[in-house]
Amino acid sequence: MYHMLQVVRTLVSPLNSSQVTLSCQRSIKSCSILQCLCNLLMANGIPAETLTEVIAAVSESMRGCLENQEYFASVTVPSDPPRY
């Protein structure tokens, strides 16, 4: 898991050219990787080190990408009982 998160972070690194980064950010969203990462953010029992990497990967996947920022804004925190 840790290595997969490192790959995501490498693809969207600000050290890449902005065109490459934006393309990778769009691909991460279209392949549902961003959705999976957001699901991990909201899951219980994730070890702190892994959660830290997930937070970094999500934030770097959103940096400068309005489409991904809008997706993240739509993510809701699960609650028990559900709130409407």
PDB file of N, CA and C in Angstrom:
ATOM      1  N   MET A   1       0.827  -1.185   0.000  1.00  0.00           N
ATOM      2  CA  MET A   1       0.000   0.000   0.000  1.00  0.00           C
ATOM      3  C   MET A   1       0.873   1.251   0.000  1.00  0.00           C
ATOM      4  N   TYR A   2       1.878   1.217   0.850  1.00  0.00           N
ATOM      5  CA  TYR A   2       2.765   2.378   0.967  1.00  0.00           C
ATOM      6  C   TYR A   2       3.423   2.696  -0.379  1.00  0.00           C
ATOM      7  N   HIS A   3       3.864   1.685  -1.086  1.00  0.00           N
ATOM      8  CA  HIS A   3       4.538   1.904  -2.371  1.00  0.00           C
ATOM      9  C   HIS A   3       3.571   2.422  -3.435  1.00  0.00           C
ATOM     10  N   MET A   4       2.330   1.959  -3.409  1.00  0.00           N
ATOM     11  CA  MET A   4       1.327   2.459  -4.341  1.00  0.00           C
ATOM     12  C   MET A   4       1.084   3.946  -4.106  1.00  0.00           C
ATOM     13  N   LEU A   5       1.025   4.331  -2.851  1.00  0.00           N
ATOM     14  CA  LEU A   5       0.833   5.746  -2.524  1.00  0.00           C
ATOM     15  C   LEU A   5       2.034   6.583  -2.978  1.00  0.00           C
ATOM     16  N   GLN A   6       3.217   6.015  -2.870  1.00  0.00           N
ATOM     17  CA  GLN A   6       4.414   6.713  -3.337  1.00  0.00           C
ATOM     18  C   GLN A   6       4.381   6.912  -4.853  1.00  0.00           C
ATOM     19  N   VAL A   7       3.872   5.926  -5.576  1.00  0.00           N
ATOM     20  CA  VAL A   7       3.745   6.058  -7.036  1.00  0.00           C
ATOM     21  C   VAL A   7       2.781   7.190  -7.372  1.00  0.00           C
ATOM     22  N   VAL A   8       1.638   7.226  -6.694  1.00  0.00           N
ATOM     23  CA  VAL A   8       0.663   8.304  -6.928  1.00  0.00           C
ATOM     24  C   VAL A   8       1.304   9.653  -6.649  1.00  0.00           C
ATOM     25  N   ARG A   9       1.988   9.765  -5.535  1.00  0.00           N
ATOM     26  CA  ARG A   9       2.617  11.037  -5.169  1.00  0.00           C
ATOM     27  C   ARG A   9       3.699  11.437  -6.168  1.00  0.00           C
ATOM     28  N   THR A  10       4.409  10.479  -6.716  1.00  0.00           N
ATOM     29  CA  THR A  10       5.432  10.772  -7.716  1.00  0.00           C
ATOM     30  C   THR A  10       4.795  11.289  -8.999  1.00  0.00           C
ATOM     31  N   LEU A  11       3.677  10.688  -9.399  1.00  0.00           N
ATOM     32  CA  LEU A  11       3.000  11.119 -10.619  1.00  0.00           C
ATOM     33  C   LEU A  11       2.490  12.552 -10.537  1.00  0.00           C
ATOM     34  N   VAL A  12       2.039  12.969  -9.362  1.00  0.00           N
ATOM     35  CA  VAL A  12       1.453  14.305  -9.214  1.00  0.00           C
ATOM     36  C   VAL A  12       2.384  15.280  -8.486  1.00  0.00           C
ATOM     37  N   SER A  13       3.637  14.943  -8.437  1.00  0.00           N
ATOM     38  CA  SER A  13       4.619  15.779  -7.749  1.00  0.00           C
ATOM     39  C   SER A  13       4.734  17.157  -8.408  1.00  0.00           C
ATOM     40  N   PRO A  14       4.859  18.209  -7.605  1.00  0.00           N
ATOM     41  CA  PRO A  14       5.057  19.541  -8.177  1.00  0.00           C
ATOM     42  C   PRO A  14       6.420  19.689  -8.861  1.00  0.00           C
ATOM     43  N   LEU A  15       7.287  18.713  -8.702  1.00  0.00           N
ATOM     44  CA  LEU A  15       8.583  18.753  -9.375  1.00  0.00           C
ATOM     45  C   LEU A  15       8.466  18.395 -10.849  1.00  0.00           C
ATOM     46  N   ASN A  16       7.365  17.730 -11.227  1.00  0.00           N
ATOM     47  CA  ASN A  16       7.098  17.431 -12.637  1.00  0.00           C
ATOM     48  C   ASN A  16       6.648  18.709 -13.329  1.00  0.00           C
ATOM     49  N   SER A  17       6.664  18.694 -14.650  1.00  0.00           N
ATOM     50  CA  SER A  17       6.129  19.854 -15.364  1.00  0.00           C
ATOM     51  C   SER A  17       4.637  19.952 -15.067  1.00  0.00           C
ATOM     52  N   SER A  18       4.100  21.150 -15.132  1.00  0.00           N
ATOM     53  CA  SER A  18       2.689  21.343 -14.785  1.00  0.00           C
ATOM     54  C   SER A  18       1.768  20.567 -15.724  1.00  0.00           C
ATOM     55  N   GLN A  19       2.167  20.407 -16.981  1.00  0.00           N
ATOM     56  CA  GLN A  19       1.339  19.654 -17.923  1.00  0.00           C
ATOM     57  C   GLN A  19       1.273  18.178 -17.541  1.00  0.00           C
ATOM     58  N   VAL A  20       2.408  17.626 -17.157  1.00  0.00           N
ATOM     59  CA  VAL A  20       2.455  16.216 -16.749  1.00  0.00           C
ATOM     60  C   VAL A  20       1.649  16.020 -15.474  1.00  0.00           C
ATOM     61  N   THR A  21       1.835  16.902 -14.512  1.00  0.00           N
ATOM     62  CA  THR A  21       1.123  16.794 -13.245  1.00  0.00           C
ATOM     63  C   THR A  21      -0.383  16.866 -13.456  1.00  0.00           C
ATOM     64  N   LEU A  22      -0.844  17.840 -14.228  1.00  0.00           N
ATOM     65  CA  LEU A  22      -2.280  17.993 -14.470  1.00  0.00           C
ATOM     66  C   LEU A  22      -2.847  16.776 -15.197  1.00  0.00           C
ATOM     67  N   SER A  23      -2.117  16.262 -16.148  1.00  0.00           N
ATOM     68  CA  SER A  23      -2.556  15.061 -16.862  1.00  0.00           C
ATOM     69  C   SER A  23      -2.677  13.878 -15.912  1.00  0.00           C
ATOM     70  N   CYS A  24      -1.704  13.714 -15.043  1.00  0.00           N
ATOM     71  CA  CYS A  24      -1.743  12.616 -14.068  1.00  0.00           C
ATOM     72  C   CYS A  24      -2.881  12.811 -13.067  1.00  0.00           C
ATOM     73  N   GLN A  25      -3.121  14.055 -12.650  1.00  0.00           N
ATOM     74  CA  GLN A  25      -4.224  14.320 -11.728  1.00  0.00           C
ATOM     75  C   GLN A  25      -5.557  13.950 -12.363  1.00  0.00           C
ATOM     76  N   ARG A  26      -5.736  14.295 -13.624  1.00  0.00           N
ATOM     77  CA  ARG A  26      -6.983  13.955 -14.321  1.00  0.00           C
ATOM     78  C   ARG A  26      -7.118  12.442 -14.471  1.00  0.00           C
ATOM     79  N   SER A  27      -6.023  11.772 -14.756  1.00  0.00           N
ATOM     80  CA  SER A  27      -6.055  10.308 -14.895  1.00  0.00           C
ATOM     81  C   SER A  27      -6.385   9.638 -13.570  1.00  0.00           C
ATOM     82  N   ILE A  28      -5.845  10.155 -12.492  1.00  0.00           N
ATOM     83  CA  ILE A  28      -6.113   9.601 -11.169  1.00  0.00           C
ATOM     84  C   ILE A  28      -7.595   9.705 -10.844  1.00  0.00           C
ATOM     85  N   LYS A  29      -8.226  10.794 -11.237  1.00  0.00           N
ATOM     86  CA  LYS A  29      -9.673  10.943 -11.016  1.00  0.00           C
ATOM     87  C   LYS A  29     -10.450  10.014 -11.938  1.00  0.00           C
ATOM     88  N   SER A  30     -10.100   9.983 -13.223  1.00  0.00           N
ATOM     89  CA  SER A  30     -10.876   9.185 -14.177  1.00  0.00           C
ATOM     90  C   SER A  30     -10.755   7.683 -13.927  1.00  0.00           C
ATOM     91  N   CYS A  31      -9.675   7.244 -13.325  1.00  0.00           N
ATOM     92  CA  CYS A  31      -9.485   5.822 -13.008  1.00  0.00           C
ATOM     93  C   CYS A  31     -10.031   5.453 -11.628  1.00  0.00           C
ATOM     94  N   SER A  32     -10.677   6.398 -10.966  1.00  0.00           N
ATOM     95  CA  SER A  32     -11.284   6.211  -9.633  1.00  0.00           C
ATOM     96  C   SER A  32     -10.263   6.009  -8.521  1.00  0.00           C
ATOM     97  N   ILE A  33      -9.003   6.323  -8.787  1.00  0.00           N
ATOM     98  CA  ILE A  33      -7.996   6.221  -7.724  1.00  0.00           C
ATOM     99  C   ILE A  33      -8.271   7.270  -6.652  1.00  0.00           C
ATOM    100  N   LEU A  34      -8.669   8.477  -7.072  1.00  0.00           N
ATOM    101  CA  LEU A  34      -8.974   9.522  -6.100  1.00  0.00           C
ATOM    102  C   LEU A  34     -10.136   9.099  -5.210  1.00  0.00           C
ATOM    103  N   GLN A  35     -11.138   8.466  -5.786  1.00  0.00           N
ATOM    104  CA  GLN A  35     -12.272   7.984  -4.998  1.00  0.00           C
ATOM    105  C   GLN A  35     -11.807   6.953  -3.967  1.00  0.00           C
ATOM    106  N   CYS A  36     -10.953   6.033  -4.380  1.00  0.00           N
ATOM    107  CA  CYS A  36     -10.428   5.020  -3.453  1.00  0.00           C
ATOM    108  C   CYS A  36      -9.620   5.672  -2.327  1.00  0.00           C
ATOM    109  N   LEU A  37      -8.821   6.665  -2.679  1.00  0.00           N
ATOM    110  CA  LEU A  37      -8.034   7.360  -1.661  1.00  0.00           C
ATOM    111  C   LEU A  37      -8.945   8.089  -0.670  1.00  0.00           C
ATOM    112  N   CYS A  38      -9.997   8.705  -1.186  1.00  0.00           N
ATOM    113  CA  CYS A  38     -10.941   9.397  -0.298  1.00  0.00           C
ATOM    114  C   CYS A  38     -11.670   8.410   0.597  1.00  0.00           C
ATOM    115  N   ASN A  39     -11.976   7.230   0.066  1.00  0.00           N
ATOM    116  CA  ASN A  39     -12.596   6.187   0.895  1.00  0.00           C
ATOM    117  C   ASN A  39     -11.656   5.769   2.017  1.00  0.00           C
ATOM    118  N   LEU A  40     -10.368   5.681   1.718  1.00  0.00           N
ATOM    119  CA  LEU A  40      -9.390   5.349   2.760  1.00  0.00           C
ATOM    120  C   LEU A  40      -9.322   6.442   3.820  1.00  0.00           C
ATOM    121  N   LEU A  41      -9.444   7.682   3.394  1.00  0.00           N
ATOM    122  CA  LEU A  41      -9.426   8.794   4.355  1.00  0.00           C
ATOM    123  C   LEU A  41     -10.544   8.659   5.377  1.00  0.00           C
ATOM    124  N   MET A  42     -11.686   8.163   4.920  1.00  0.00           N
ATOM    125  CA  MET A  42     -12.865   8.087   5.779  1.00  0.00           C
ATOM    126  C   MET A  42     -13.000   6.749   6.498  1.00  0.00           C
ATOM    127  N   ALA A  43     -12.112   5.806   6.226  1.00  0.00           N
ATOM    128  CA  ALA A  43     -12.200   4.475   6.829  1.00  0.00           C
ATOM    129  C   ALA A  43     -11.669   4.479   8.263  1.00  0.00           C
ATOM    130  N   ASN A  44     -12.171   3.571   9.054  1.00  0.00           N
ATOM    131  CA  ASN A  44     -11.689   3.394  10.428  1.00  0.00           C
ATOM    132  C   ASN A  44     -10.554   2.385  10.447  1.00  0.00           C
ATOM    133  N   GLY A  45      -9.664   2.535  11.412  1.00  0.00           N
ATOM    134  CA  GLY A  45      -8.626   1.547  11.640  1.00  0.00           C
ATOM    135  C   GLY A  45      -7.423   1.618  10.719  1.00  0.00           C
ATOM    136  N   ILE A  46      -7.264   2.709   9.975  1.00  0.00           N
ATOM    137  CA  ILE A  46      -6.101   2.862   9.106  1.00  0.00           C
ATOM    138  C   ILE A  46      -4.912   3.274   9.980  1.00  0.00           C
ATOM    139  N   PRO A  47      -3.786   2.581   9.881  1.00  0.00           N
ATOM    140  CA  PRO A  47      -2.611   2.967  10.679  1.00  0.00           C
ATOM    141  C   PRO A  47      -2.183   4.407  10.384  1.00  0.00           C
ATOM    142  N   ALA A  48      -1.660   5.072  11.387  1.00  0.00           N
ATOM    143  CA  ALA A  48      -1.312   6.489  11.278  1.00  0.00           C
ATOM    144  C   ALA A  48      -0.338   6.770  10.135  1.00  0.00           C
ATOM    145  N   GLU A  49       0.656   5.931   9.960  1.00  0.00           N
ATOM    146  CA  GLU A  49       1.637   6.163   8.892  1.00  0.00           C
ATOM    147  C   GLU A  49       0.985   6.070   7.512  1.00  0.00           C
ATOM    148  N   THR A  50       0.117   5.097   7.335  1.00  0.00           N
ATOM    149  CA  THR A  50      -0.586   4.946   6.060  1.00  0.00           C
ATOM    150  C   THR A  50      -1.540   6.109   5.838  1.00  0.00           C
ATOM    151  N   LEU A  51      -2.255   6.499   6.876  1.00  0.00           N
ATOM    152  CA  LEU A  51      -3.182   7.622   6.766  1.00  0.00           C
ATOM    153  C   LEU A  51      -2.453   8.907   6.397  1.00  0.00           C
ATOM    154  N   THR A  52      -1.273   9.103   6.945  1.00  0.00           N
ATOM    155  CA  THR A  52      -0.466  10.274   6.606  1.00  0.00           C
ATOM    156  C   THR A  52      -0.126  10.284   5.124  1.00  0.00           C
ATOM    157  N   GLU A  53       0.252   9.138   4.596  1.00  0.00           N
ATOM    158  CA  GLU A  53       0.572   9.038   3.168  1.00  0.00           C
ATOM    159  C   GLU A  53      -0.667   9.239   2.297  1.00  0.00           C
ATOM    160  N   VAL A  54      -1.807   8.729   2.738  1.00  0.00           N
ATOM    161  CA  VAL A  54      -3.051   8.913   1.988  1.00  0.00           C
ATOM    162  C   VAL A  54      -3.416  10.392   1.942  1.00  0.00           C
ATOM    163  N   ILE A  55      -3.301  11.081   3.063  1.00  0.00           N
ATOM    164  CA  ILE A  55      -3.602  12.515   3.113  1.00  0.00           C
ATOM    165  C   ILE A  55      -2.697  13.275   2.152  1.00  0.00           C
ATOM    166  N   ALA A  56      -1.419  12.952   2.155  1.00  0.00           N
ATOM    167  CA  ALA A  56      -0.476  13.621   1.252  1.00  0.00           C
ATOM    168  C   ALA A  56      -0.811  13.322  -0.208  1.00  0.00           C
ATOM    169  N   ALA A  57      -1.155  12.078  -0.516  1.00  0.00           N
ATOM    170  CA  ALA A  57      -1.480  11.703  -1.898  1.00  0.00           C
ATOM    171  C   ALA A  57      -2.744  12.412  -2.372  1.00  0.00           C
ATOM    172  N   VAL A  58      -3.748  12.492  -1.514  1.00  0.00           N
ATOM    173  CA  VAL A  58      -4.985  13.192  -1.880  1.00  0.00           C
ATOM    174  C   VAL A  58      -4.714  14.673  -2.089  1.00  0.00           C
ATOM    175  N   SER A  59      -3.978  15.274  -1.181  1.00  0.00           N
ATOM    176  CA  SER A  59      -3.723  16.719  -1.304  1.00  0.00           C
ATOM    177  C   SER A  59      -2.909  17.033  -2.556  1.00  0.00           C
ATOM    178  N   GLU A  60      -1.935  16.201  -2.874  1.00  0.00           N
ATOM    179  CA  GLU A  60      -1.138  16.438  -4.076  1.00  0.00           C
ATOM    180  C   GLU A  60      -1.934  16.140  -5.343  1.00  0.00           C
ATOM    181  N   SER A  61      -2.913  15.250  -5.238  1.00  0.00           N
ATOM    182  CA  SER A  61      -3.772  14.962  -6.387  1.00  0.00           C
ATOM    183  C   SER A  61      -4.742  16.105  -6.659  1.00  0.00           C
ATOM    184  N   MET A  62      -4.972  16.941  -5.671  1.00  0.00           N
ATOM    185  CA  MET A  62      -5.898  18.069  -5.825  1.00  0.00           C
ATOM    186  C   MET A  62      -5.190  19.389  -6.129  1.00  0.00           C
ATOM    187  N   ARG A  63      -3.916  19.492  -5.812  1.00  0.00           N
ATOM    188  CA  ARG A  63      -3.199  20.752  -5.957  1.00  0.00           C
ATOM    189  C   ARG A  63      -3.315  21.278  -7.385  1.00  0.00           C
ATOM    190  N   GLY A  64      -3.958  22.431  -7.540  1.00  0.00           N
ATOM    191  CA  GLY A  64      -4.058  23.075  -8.835  1.00  0.00           C
ATOM    192  C   GLY A  64      -5.013  22.431  -9.817  1.00  0.00           C
ATOM    193  N   CYS A  65      -5.799  21.471  -9.380  1.00  0.00           N
ATOM    194  CA  CYS A  65      -6.731  20.762 -10.269  1.00  0.00           C
ATOM    195  C   CYS A  65      -8.156  20.980  -9.763  1.00  0.00           C
ATOM    196  N   LEU A  66      -8.852  21.910 -10.375  1.00  0.00           N
ATOM    197  CA  LEU A  66     -10.201  22.275  -9.930  1.00  0.00           C
ATOM    198  C   LEU A  66     -11.155  21.082  -9.947  1.00  0.00           C
ATOM    199  N   GLU A  67     -11.064  20.244 -10.959  1.00  0.00           N
ATOM    200  CA  GLU A  67     -11.947  19.071 -11.071  1.00  0.00           C
ATOM    201  C   GLU A  67     -11.800  18.159  -9.851  1.00  0.00           C
ATOM    202  N   ASN A  68     -10.566  17.899  -9.436  1.00  0.00           N
ATOM    203  CA  ASN A  68     -10.333  17.040  -8.275  1.00  0.00           C
ATOM    204  C   ASN A  68     -10.735  17.737  -6.980  1.00  0.00           C
ATOM    205  N   GLN A  69     -10.557  19.043  -6.920  1.00  0.00           N
ATOM    206  CA  GLN A  69     -10.980  19.801  -5.746  1.00  0.00           C
ATOM    207  C   GLN A  69     -12.493  19.756  -5.591  1.00  0.00           C
ATOM    208  N   GLU A  70     -13.208  19.859  -6.710  1.00  0.00           N
ATOM    209  CA  GLU A  70     -14.663  19.781  -6.665  1.00  0.00           C
ATOM    210  C   GLU A  70     -15.121  18.387  -6.235  1.00  0.00           C
ATOM    211  N   TYR A  71     -14.435  17.366  -6.714  1.00  0.00           N
ATOM    212  CA  TYR A  71     -14.780  16.010  -6.287  1.00  0.00           C
ATOM    213  C   TYR A  71     -14.586  15.879  -4.775  1.00  0.00           C
ATOM    214  N   PHE A  72     -13.450  16.350  -4.279  1.00  0.00           N
ATOM    215  CA  PHE A  72     -13.167  16.234  -2.851  1.00  0.00           C
ATOM    216  C   PHE A  72     -14.201  17.001  -2.029  1.00  0.00           C
ATOM    217  N   ALA A  73     -14.658  18.125  -2.528  1.00  0.00           N
ATOM    218  CA  ALA A  73     -15.672  18.911  -1.819  1.00  0.00           C
ATOM    219  C   ALA A  73     -16.982  18.141  -1.684  1.00  0.00           C
ATOM    220  N   SER A  74     -17.223  17.188  -2.598  1.00  0.00           N
ATOM    221  CA  SER A  74     -18.468  16.417  -2.551  1.00  0.00           C
ATOM    222  C   SER A  74     -18.370  15.192  -1.641  1.00  0.00           C
ATOM    223  N   VAL A  75     -17.180  14.874  -1.164  1.00  0.00           N
ATOM    224  CA  VAL A  75     -16.997  13.709  -0.295  1.00  0.00           C
ATOM    225  C   VAL A  75     -17.629  14.002   1.062  1.00  0.00           C
ATOM    226  N   THR A  76     -18.417  13.046   1.548  1.00  0.00           N
ATOM    227  CA  THR A  76     -19.055  13.222   2.852  1.00  0.00           C
ATOM    228  C   THR A  76     -18.485  12.221   3.849  1.00  0.00           C
ATOM    229  N   VAL A  77     -18.455  12.645   5.077  1.00  0.00           N
ATOM    230  CA  VAL A  77     -17.961  11.795   6.156  1.00  0.00           C
ATOM    231  C   VAL A  77     -19.083  10.851   6.560  1.00  0.00           C
ATOM    232  N   PRO A  78     -18.809   9.549   6.599  1.00  0.00           N
ATOM    233  CA  PRO A  78     -19.861   8.620   7.012  1.00  0.00           C
ATOM    234  C   PRO A  78     -20.204   8.842   8.486  1.00  0.00           C
ATOM    235  N   SER A  79     -21.476   8.793   8.780  1.00  0.00           N
ATOM    236  CA  SER A  79     -21.879   8.947  10.170  1.00  0.00           C
ATOM    237  C   SER A  79     -22.894   7.868  10.508  1.00  0.00           C
ATOM    238  N   ASP A  80     -22.972   7.547  11.768  1.00  0.00           N
ATOM    239  CA  ASP A  80     -23.887   6.519  12.210  1.00  0.00           C
ATOM    240  C   ASP A  80     -24.706   7.083  13.367  1.00  0.00           C
ATOM    241  N   PRO A  81     -25.957   7.324  13.266  1.00  0.00           N
ATOM    242  CA  PRO A  81     -26.824   7.111  12.115  1.00  0.00           C
ATOM    243  C   PRO A  81     -26.572   8.151  11.030  1.00  0.00           C
ATOM    244  N   PRO A  82     -26.996   7.858   9.778  1.00  0.00           N
ATOM    245  CA  PRO A  82     -26.790   8.813   8.689  1.00  0.00           C
ATOM    246  C   PRO A  82     -27.488  10.132   8.961  1.00  0.00           C
ATOM    247  N   ARG A  83     -26.838  11.206   8.590  1.00  0.00           N
ATOM    248  CA  ARG A  83     -27.419  12.552   8.751  1.00  0.00           C
ATOM    249  C   ARG A  83     -27.832  13.070   7.394  1.00  0.00           C
ATOM    250  N   TYR A  84     -28.985  13.713   7.356  1.00  0.00           N
ATOM    251  CA  TYR A  84     -29.482  14.256   6.099  1.00  0.00           C
ATOM    252  C   TYR A  84     -29.598  15.746   6.169  1.00  0.00           C
TER     253      TYR A  84
END
